Structures are given as C-alpha cells and as structure tokens.
Amino acid sequence: MTSPPAESTSARKLEIYTLIRNLSDQGVSVIVISSEMEEVLGISDRIAIMHEGRITGILEREQFSEEAVMAFATGSNKSTPIGVM
C-alpha cells in the first residue's frame, strides 16, 4: 500500500486538530500520544513527558519549548519533575 498524497494527509490532520480543539473547547479532555514535536506543541494545553516508562515532567502551555520537552524526554533534566508528585 502506498502513502496518501501529502495534501490529503495534511487536510486530514487539520480535520483531526479541529475536532480536538472543538472537544477541548467543550470541556472534554483529549489525550494525544505523538512523537511529532511540532504537533504536540501546536495542539496541546498541557504536555506530560515520559522517559524510560516514567513521567518525568508536565509542562503547561506557557512553559512549552522544544528544549524543555527534550530535557525531560531524554532524562537530562534532573530537577524535580514539574507537576509530578
């Protein structure tokens, strides 16, 4: 099976992102699991980051940056995980 054309995939993703935002606006919690950094930063209000099977940090939108996410994802951030007790 071949991959769908890029424009078809992009249109489909936009449709999914719109659905996620609409649900969120209605107060529905949506859990998205993705390894695509741009996608995660673009559609999330809060990000829980895991390293070696454990949550190492939780970031709120105002804390988002690729560097912050990667520090928790690689285990290089040795501080107390944000939002994790």
Protein backbone atom coordinates (compact mmCIF):
# COMPACT_ATOMS: atom_id res chain seq x y z
CA MET A 1 0.00 0.00 0.00
CA THR A 2 1.35 3.44 -0.88
CA SER A 3 1.12 6.52 1.32
CA PRO A 4 -1.67 9.00 0.60
CA PRO A 5 -0.67 12.24 -1.13
CA ALA A 6 0.81 14.83 1.26
CA GLU A 7 -2.05 17.27 0.69
CA SER A 8 -4.55 14.57 1.65
CA THR A 9 -2.64 13.78 4.83
CA SER A 10 -2.37 17.48 5.73
CA ALA A 11 -6.09 18.02 5.20
CA ARG A 12 -6.88 15.01 7.35
CA LYS A 13 -4.59 16.21 10.15
CA LEU A 14 -6.21 19.65 10.07
CA GLU A 15 -9.61 17.99 10.38
CA ILE A 16 -8.41 15.99 13.40
CA TYR A 17 -6.82 19.06 15.04
CA THR A 18 -10.06 21.00 14.59
CA LEU A 19 -12.03 18.16 16.18
CA ILE A 20 -9.60 18.05 19.13
CA ARG A 21 -9.86 21.83 19.64
CA ASN A 22 -13.68 21.72 19.44
CA LEU A 23 -13.84 18.95 22.03
CA SER A 24 -11.41 20.81 24.28
CA ASP A 25 -13.48 23.99 23.97
CA GLN A 26 -16.46 21.95 25.21
CA GLY A 27 -14.51 20.90 28.31
CA VAL A 28 -13.68 17.40 27.08
CA SER A 29 -10.22 16.11 27.98
CA VAL A 30 -8.35 14.68 25.00
CA ILE A 31 -5.21 12.58 25.35
CA VAL A 32 -2.92 12.67 22.32
CA ILE A 33 0.15 10.48 22.05
CA SER A 34 2.64 11.66 19.44
CA SER A 35 6.35 11.78 18.79
CA GLU A 36 5.95 14.73 16.41
CA MET A 37 7.21 17.74 18.40
CA GLU A 38 5.54 20.39 16.22
CA GLU A 39 2.22 18.57 16.52
CA VAL A 40 2.48 18.23 20.30
CA LEU A 41 3.43 21.87 20.83
CA GLY A 42 0.72 23.07 18.45
CA ILE A 43 -2.33 21.25 19.78
CA SER A 44 -1.63 20.76 23.49
CA ASP A 45 -2.65 22.77 26.54
CA ARG A 46 -0.52 20.57 28.79
CA ILE A 47 2.21 18.04 27.96
CA ALA A 48 3.22 15.05 30.09
CA ILE A 49 6.69 13.87 29.10
CA MET A 50 7.97 10.35 29.67
CA HIS A 51 11.46 8.87 29.83
CA GLU A 52 12.09 5.15 30.30
CA GLY A 53 8.42 4.47 31.10
CA ARG A 54 8.02 7.16 33.77
CA ILE A 55 6.51 10.62 33.66
CA THR A 56 9.45 12.96 34.12
CA GLY A 57 7.67 16.27 33.65
CA ILE A 58 4.41 18.03 32.99
CA LEU A 59 4.51 21.36 31.19
CA GLU A 60 1.76 23.95 30.87
CA ARG A 61 1.40 25.86 27.58
CA GLU A 62 3.37 28.90 28.82
CA GLN A 63 6.30 26.57 29.64
CA PHE A 64 6.40 24.87 26.22
CA SER A 65 9.64 24.82 24.27
CA GLU A 66 11.40 22.09 22.34
CA GLU A 67 14.32 22.38 24.75
CA ALA A 68 12.13 21.88 27.85
CA VAL A 69 10.36 18.88 26.34
CA MET A 70 13.62 17.27 25.21
CA ALA A 71 15.28 17.81 28.59
CA PHE A 72 12.54 15.73 30.25
CA ALA A 73 12.27 13.24 27.34
CA THR A 74 15.98 12.42 27.43
CA GLY A 75 16.29 12.36 31.20
CA SER A 76 18.81 15.21 31.17
CA ASN A 77 16.57 17.39 33.37
CA LYS A 78 17.43 16.14 36.84
CA SER A 79 15.26 18.66 38.69
CA THR A 80 12.03 17.69 40.40
CA PRO A 81 9.57 16.98 37.61
CA ILE A 82 7.15 19.83 37.13
CA GLY A 83 3.67 18.80 38.21
CA VAL A 84 4.75 15.29 39.22
CA MET A 85 4.47 14.26 42.86
